[in-house]
Structure formats: structure tokens, C-alpha cells
C-alpha atoms as a PDB file:
ATOM      1  CA  MET A   1       5.560  -8.417  23.760  1.00  0.00           C
ATOM      2  CA  THR A   2       3.189  -5.473  23.801  1.00  0.00           C
ATOM      3  CA  SER A   3       1.795  -3.729  26.863  1.00  0.00           C
ATOM      4  CA  ASP A   4      -1.412  -5.776  26.664  1.00  0.00           C
ATOM      5  CA  GLY A   5       0.473  -9.088  26.691  1.00  0.00           C
ATOM      6  CA  GLN A   6       0.208  -9.799  22.963  1.00  0.00           C
ATOM      7  CA  SER A   7       3.251 -11.033  21.123  1.00  0.00           C
ATOM      8  CA  GLY A   8       4.060 -10.209  17.525  1.00  0.00           C
ATOM      9  CA  SER A   9       2.634  -7.428  15.464  1.00  0.00           C
ATOM     10  CA  PHE A  10      -0.934  -6.208  15.083  1.00  0.00           C
ATOM     11  CA  ALA A  11      -1.849  -6.922  18.688  1.00  0.00           C
ATOM     12  CA  SER A  12      -4.693  -4.430  18.234  1.00  0.00           C
ATOM     13  CA  LEU A  13      -6.486  -6.982  16.072  1.00  0.00           C
ATOM     14  CA  SER A  14      -6.741  -9.407  18.968  1.00  0.00           C
ATOM     15  CA  HIS A  15      -9.399  -7.088  20.387  1.00  0.00           C
ATOM     16  CA  CYS A  16     -11.527  -7.301  17.245  1.00  0.00           C
ATOM     17  CA  VAL A  17     -14.220  -9.882  16.718  1.00  0.00           C
ATOM     18  CA  LEU A  18     -13.446 -12.526  14.107  1.00  0.00           C
ATOM     19  CA  SER A  19     -15.831 -11.106  11.492  1.00  0.00           C
ATOM     20  CA  LYS A  20     -14.143  -7.731  11.786  1.00  0.00           C
ATOM     21  CA  ARG A  21     -10.709  -9.353  11.458  1.00  0.00           C
ATOM     22  CA  SER A  22     -11.889 -11.076   8.290  1.00  0.00           C
ATOM     23  CA  ALA A  23     -13.148  -7.760   6.924  1.00  0.00           C
ATOM     24  CA  ILE A  24      -9.792  -6.130   7.691  1.00  0.00           C
ATOM     25  CA  VAL A  25      -8.004  -8.962   5.874  1.00  0.00           C
ATOM     26  CA  SER A  26     -10.365  -8.433   2.941  1.00  0.00           C
ATOM     27  CA  VAL A  27      -9.419  -4.749   2.767  1.00  0.00           C
ATOM     28  CA  ALA A  28      -5.730  -5.737   2.848  1.00  0.00           C
ATOM     29  CA  ARG A  29      -6.315  -8.284   0.079  1.00  0.00           C
ATOM     30  CA  ASP A  30      -7.982  -5.648  -2.093  1.00  0.00           C
ATOM     31  CA  LEU A  31      -5.186  -3.194  -1.343  1.00  0.00           C
ATOM     32  CA  ASP A  32      -2.578  -5.772  -2.324  1.00  0.00           C
ATOM     33  CA  HIS A  33      -4.403  -6.561  -5.557  1.00  0.00           C
ATOM     34  CA  ASP A  34      -5.442  -3.065  -6.618  1.00  0.00           C
ATOM     35  CA  LEU A  35      -2.405  -1.121  -5.437  1.00  0.00           C
ATOM     36  CA  GLY A  36       0.375  -3.567  -4.699  1.00  0.00           C
ATOM     37  CA  ARG A  37       0.079  -5.600  -7.850  1.00  0.00           C
ATOM     38  CA  TYR A  38      -0.146  -2.692 -10.267  1.00  0.00           C
ATOM     39  CA  VAL A  39       1.931   0.103  -8.719  1.00  0.00           C
ATOM     40  CA  PHE A  40       5.032  -1.796  -9.853  1.00  0.00           C
ATOM     41  CA  PHE A  41       3.616  -3.704 -12.816  1.00  0.00           C
ATOM     42  CA  GLN A  42       5.169  -2.151 -15.919  1.00  0.00           C
ATOM     43  CA  LEU A  43       8.235  -1.019 -13.999  1.00  0.00           C
ATOM     44  CA  ALA A  44       8.936  -4.603 -12.908  1.00  0.00           C
ATOM     45  CA  ALA A  45       9.061  -5.725 -16.523  1.00  0.00           C
ATOM     46  CA  LEU A  46      11.712  -3.184 -17.534  1.00  0.00           C
ATOM     47  CA  PRO A  47      15.357  -4.143 -17.865  1.00  0.00           C
ATOM     48  CA  LYS A  48      17.700  -2.470 -15.370  1.00  0.00           C
ATOM     49  CA  ASP A  49      19.259  -0.429 -18.168  1.00  0.00           C
ATOM     50  CA  ALA A  50      15.944   0.891 -19.513  1.00  0.00           C
ATOM     51  CA  ARG A  51      16.095   4.359 -21.006  1.00  0.00           C
ATOM     52  CA  PRO A  52      14.792   7.144 -18.744  1.00  0.00           C
ATOM     53  CA  ALA A  53      11.958   7.964 -21.177  1.00  0.00           C
ATOM     54  CA  VAL A  54      10.761   4.352 -21.052  1.00  0.00           C
ATOM     55  CA  MET A  55      11.060   4.297 -17.252  1.00  0.00           C
ATOM     56  CA  LEU A  56       9.114   7.547 -17.026  1.00  0.00           C
ATOM     57  CA  GLN A  57       6.323   6.185 -19.199  1.00  0.00           C
ATOM     58  CA  ALA A  58       6.092   2.997 -17.123  1.00  0.00           C
ATOM     59  CA  ALA A  59       6.222   4.959 -13.845  1.00  0.00           C
ATOM     60  CA  ARG A  60       3.429   7.252 -15.009  1.00  0.00           C
ATOM     61  CA  ALA A  61       1.249   4.288 -15.891  1.00  0.00           C
ATOM     62  CA  ASP A  62       2.004   2.420 -12.661  1.00  0.00           C
ATOM     63  CA  VAL A  63       1.759   5.338 -10.234  1.00  0.00           C
ATOM     64  CA  LEU A  64      -0.664   7.780 -11.845  1.00  0.00           C
ATOM     65  CA  GLU A  65      -2.975   5.258 -13.558  1.00  0.00           C
ATOM     66  CA  THR A  66      -2.539   2.310 -11.236  1.00  0.00           C
ATOM     67  CA  ARG A  67      -5.978   0.748 -11.669  1.00  0.00           C
ATOM     68  CA  LYS A  68      -7.532   1.193 -15.073  1.00  0.00           C
ATOM     69  CA  ARG A  69     -11.288   1.082 -15.533  1.00  0.00           C
ATOM     70  CA  SER A  70     -13.463   1.434 -18.608  1.00  0.00           C
ATOM     71  CA  ASP A  71     -14.316   4.996 -17.531  1.00  0.00           C
ATOM     72  CA  GLY A  72     -10.850   6.128 -16.398  1.00  0.00           C
ATOM     73  CA  SER A  73      -8.249   5.172 -13.861  1.00  0.00           C
ATOM     74  CA  ASP A  74      -7.296   5.500 -10.211  1.00  0.00           C
ATOM     75  CA  SER A  75      -3.871   6.640  -9.086  1.00  0.00           C
ATOM     76  CA  ALA A  76      -1.847   4.838  -6.456  1.00  0.00           C
ATOM     77  CA  MET A  77      -2.666   7.612  -3.985  1.00  0.00           C
ATOM     78  CA  GLU A  78      -6.409   7.355  -4.654  1.00  0.00           C
ATOM     79  CA  LEU A  79      -6.288   3.597  -4.078  1.00  0.00           C
ATOM     80  CA  TRP A  80      -4.288   4.088  -0.877  1.00  0.00           C
ATOM     81  CA  GLN A  81      -6.713   6.702   0.454  1.00  0.00           C
ATOM     82  CA  ALA A  82      -9.709   4.489  -0.330  1.00  0.00           C
ATOM     83  CA  ALA A  83      -8.079   1.558   1.469  1.00  0.00           C
ATOM     84  CA  MET A  84      -7.261   3.673   4.507  1.00  0.00           C
ATOM     85  CA  THR A  85     -10.887   4.818   4.629  1.00  0.00           C
ATOM     86  CA  ALA A  86     -12.007   1.189   4.408  1.00  0.00           C
ATOM     87  CA  PHE A  87      -9.622   0.182   7.213  1.00  0.00           C
ATOM     88  CA  ARG A  88     -10.904   3.043   9.389  1.00  0.00           C
ATOM     89  CA  GLU A  89     -14.509   1.977   8.739  1.00  0.00           C
ATOM     90  CA  GLN A  90     -13.710  -1.562   9.889  1.00  0.00           C
ATOM     91  CA  PHE A  91     -12.583  -0.223  13.260  1.00  0.00           C
ATOM     92  CA  GLU A  92     -15.819   1.808  13.504  1.00  0.00           C
ATOM     93  CA  ASN A  93     -15.773   3.678  16.817  1.00  0.00           C
ATOM     94  CA  GLU A  94     -12.697   1.921  18.150  1.00  0.00           C
ATOM     95  CA  HIS A  95     -10.352   4.850  17.597  1.00  0.00           C
ATOM     96  CA  GLU A  96      -7.627   3.555  19.913  1.00  0.00           C
ATOM     97  CA  LEU A  97      -7.457   0.253  18.023  1.00  0.00           C
ATOM     98  CA  TYR A  98      -7.339   2.088  14.705  1.00  0.00           C
ATOM     99  CA  ASP A  99      -4.563   4.337  16.002  1.00  0.00           C
ATOM    100  CA  ALA A 100      -2.634   1.245  17.137  1.00  0.00           C
ATOM    101  CA  PHE A 101      -3.147  -0.282  13.687  1.00  0.00           C
ATOM    102  CA  LEU A 102      -1.712   2.879  12.092  1.00  0.00           C
ATOM    103  CA  ARG A 103       1.336   2.678  14.368  1.00  0.00           C
ATOM    104  CA  GLU A 104       2.201  -0.845  13.202  1.00  0.00           C
ATOM    105  CA  PRO A 105       5.594  -0.805  11.431  1.00  0.00           C
ATOM    106  CA  LEU A 106       4.204  -2.357   8.235  1.00  0.00           C
ATOM    107  CA  VAL A 107       1.444   0.239   7.988  1.00  0.00           C
ATOM    108  CA  ARG A 108       3.787   3.127   8.876  1.00  0.00           C
ATOM    109  CA  GLY A 109       6.352   1.996   6.308  1.00  0.00           C
ATOM    110  CA  LEU A 110       3.709   1.705   3.629  1.00  0.00           C
ATOM    111  CA  GLN A 111       2.420   5.162   4.506  1.00  0.00           C
ATOM    112  CA  GLU A 112       5.945   6.599   4.198  1.00  0.00           C
ATOM    113  CA  HIS A 113       6.419   5.116   0.727  1.00  0.00           C
ATOM    114  CA  MET A 114       3.020   6.428  -0.351  1.00  0.00           C
ATOM    115  CA  VAL A 115       3.932   9.903   0.900  1.00  0.00           C
ATOM    116  CA  GLN A 116       7.098   9.732  -1.203  1.00  0.00           C
ATOM    117  CA  LEU A 117       5.190   8.618  -4.295  1.00  0.00           C
ATOM    118  CA  HIS A 118       2.713  11.423  -3.755  1.00  0.00           C
ATOM    119  CA  ALA A 119       5.559  13.932  -3.405  1.00  0.00           C
ATOM    120  CA  HIS A 120       6.799  12.909  -6.856  1.00  0.00           C
ATOM    121  CA  SER A 121       3.373  12.801  -8.521  1.00  0.00           C
ATOM    122  CA  ALA A 122       3.352  16.306  -9.982  1.00  0.00           C
ATOM    123  CA  ALA A 123       6.841  15.961 -11.441  1.00  0.00           C
ATOM    124  CA  LEU A 124       5.954  12.486 -12.677  1.00  0.00           C
ATOM    125  CA  HIS A 125       2.842  13.863 -14.361  1.00  0.00           C
ATOM    126  CA  ASP A 126       4.777  16.759 -15.914  1.00  0.00           C
ATOM    127  CA  GLY A 127       7.708  14.560 -16.904  1.00  0.00           C
ATOM    128  CA  THR A 128      10.158  16.770 -15.016  1.00  0.00           C
ATOM    129  CA  LEU A 129      11.817  14.091 -12.884  1.00  0.00           C
ATOM    130  CA  ASN A 130      15.576  13.939 -13.059  1.00  0.00           C
ATOM    131  CA  PRO A 131      17.066  10.420 -13.269  1.00  0.00           C
ATOM    132  CA  GLU A 132      17.748  10.244  -9.513  1.00  0.00           C
ATOM    133  CA  ARG A 133      14.163  11.162  -8.594  1.00  0.00           C
ATOM    134  CA  LEU A 134      12.885   8.698 -11.174  1.00  0.00           C
ATOM    135  CA  ARG A 135      14.957   5.948  -9.538  1.00  0.00           C
ATOM    136  CA  ARG A 136      13.443   6.882  -6.171  1.00  0.00           C
ATOM    137  CA  VAL A 137       9.947   6.608  -7.661  1.00  0.00           C
ATOM    138  CA  VAL A 138      10.835   3.133  -8.945  1.00  0.00           C
ATOM    139  CA  GLN A 139      12.209   2.146  -5.515  1.00  0.00           C
ATOM    140  CA  ASP A 140       9.146   3.474  -3.700  1.00  0.00           C
ATOM    141  CA  ALA A 141       6.782   1.738  -6.126  1.00  0.00           C
ATOM    142  CA  ARG A 142       8.658  -1.540  -5.560  1.00  0.00           C
ATOM    143  CA  SER A 143       8.522  -1.018  -1.791  1.00  0.00           C
ATOM    144  CA  VAL A 144       4.779  -0.317  -1.879  1.00  0.00           C
ATOM    145  CA  SER A 145       4.222  -3.462  -3.916  1.00  0.00           C
ATOM    146  CA  GLU A 146       6.264  -5.587  -1.509  1.00  0.00           C
ATOM    147  CA  SER A 147       4.734  -3.959   1.584  1.00  0.00           C
ATOM    148  CA  THR A 148       1.125  -4.456   0.518  1.00  0.00           C
ATOM    149  CA  ARG A 149       1.884  -8.152   0.007  1.00  0.00           C
ATOM    150  CA  ARG A 150       3.516  -8.423   3.457  1.00  0.00           C
ATOM    151  CA  LEU A 151       0.610  -6.570   5.062  1.00  0.00           C
ATOM    152  CA  TYR A 152      -1.957  -8.877   3.485  1.00  0.00           C
ATOM    153  CA  ASN A 153       0.017 -12.031   4.307  1.00  0.00           C
ATOM    154  CA  THR A 154       0.590 -10.934   7.903  1.00  0.00           C
ATOM    155  CA  LEU A 155      -3.043 -10.031   8.508  1.00  0.00           C
ATOM    156  CA  GLN A 156      -4.245 -13.211   6.830  1.00  0.00           C
ATOM    157  CA  GLU A 157      -1.924 -15.284   9.004  1.00  0.00           C
ATOM    158  CA  LEU A 158      -3.183 -13.556  12.153  1.00  0.00           C
ATOM    159  CA  CYS A 159      -6.774 -14.148  11.135  1.00  0.00           C
ATOM    160  CA  ASN A 160      -6.041 -17.828  10.428  1.00  0.00           C
ATOM    161  CA  GLU A 161      -4.377 -18.235  13.827  1.00  0.00           C
ATOM    162  CA  ALA A 162      -7.529 -16.928  15.489  1.00  0.00           C
ATOM    163  CA  THR A 163      -9.775 -19.542  13.910  1.00  0.00           C
END
């Protein structure tokens, strides 16, 4: 139970009007599709005993070119930053609610995995990851994929409960 009497997570959303909740769920859905689905797309298809060069190639594609477009691509970090901007815009001038949203364990955990992926981006780009760091990139990409799905499902469930 939170200090405002709400049970469960994302109590801050209870203070948002339904249309805003729906918009927040929409941002989470887009994040899950654009980032979560593709940050661990090629890596998920690899066998556990894949050669490091193959893993590196898949990790580069999944993390550095996560969403491909006809005119280029967006990295996982660019997609994350765009989503965080979209979340912030949904809370408009309600800074305390946005701060509470950012403190939610699912959001914090996702942020931590994104920070780790970002920390490995230069070495991933240059191909200078040792096998241990490459395994961490794979683990973080998997965690981001799983976390975006949980975030979307949780927010969708909360929005459905409110209707």
C-alpha cells in the first residue's frame, strides 16, 4: 500500500484522467513494439553456442540498429529516449506524478538495463567487446525486451481496471 492509499504499482496513474492513462498505455505499447520486440530479435534466434563474431553481429543489429527505416535506423537508446520524452509529455505539468512514475520498479529496472546497453554501445560499435561484456549485452537486451513487455502489460491492466 502506498502513502496515498493505493495498492499495487503505478499508484501515480490513479491520479490521471482516463484519456491520459490510455495515452500512457499507448506509449508503453509503442515502446514494447519498437524497442522491446527488436532489441533482442536476432540475438533470440541464436543458438546458445553461437560464435562470438555471430553474436557481435546480431548484438550490433539489435542494439545499434534496433528499428530500421527506409532512410536509416534508430538505436535502442534513441528509441528509449523518445519514449521517455513521450511519457513525460503525457504527464504534462504534473511533475510529481511523472517523478513517481520514474520511481516505479519496472521503470527503474528498465532504465538501469538501458544505461548498461548504452555503456557498451561504443565498444559494440567498434567490435571491441570481450566475450564477457558481449554476454552482458545479450543479457541486458533480453532484460529490456522482457521489461518493456511487463511494463506494457502492467499499464494496460491498470487502464482496463479503471474502465
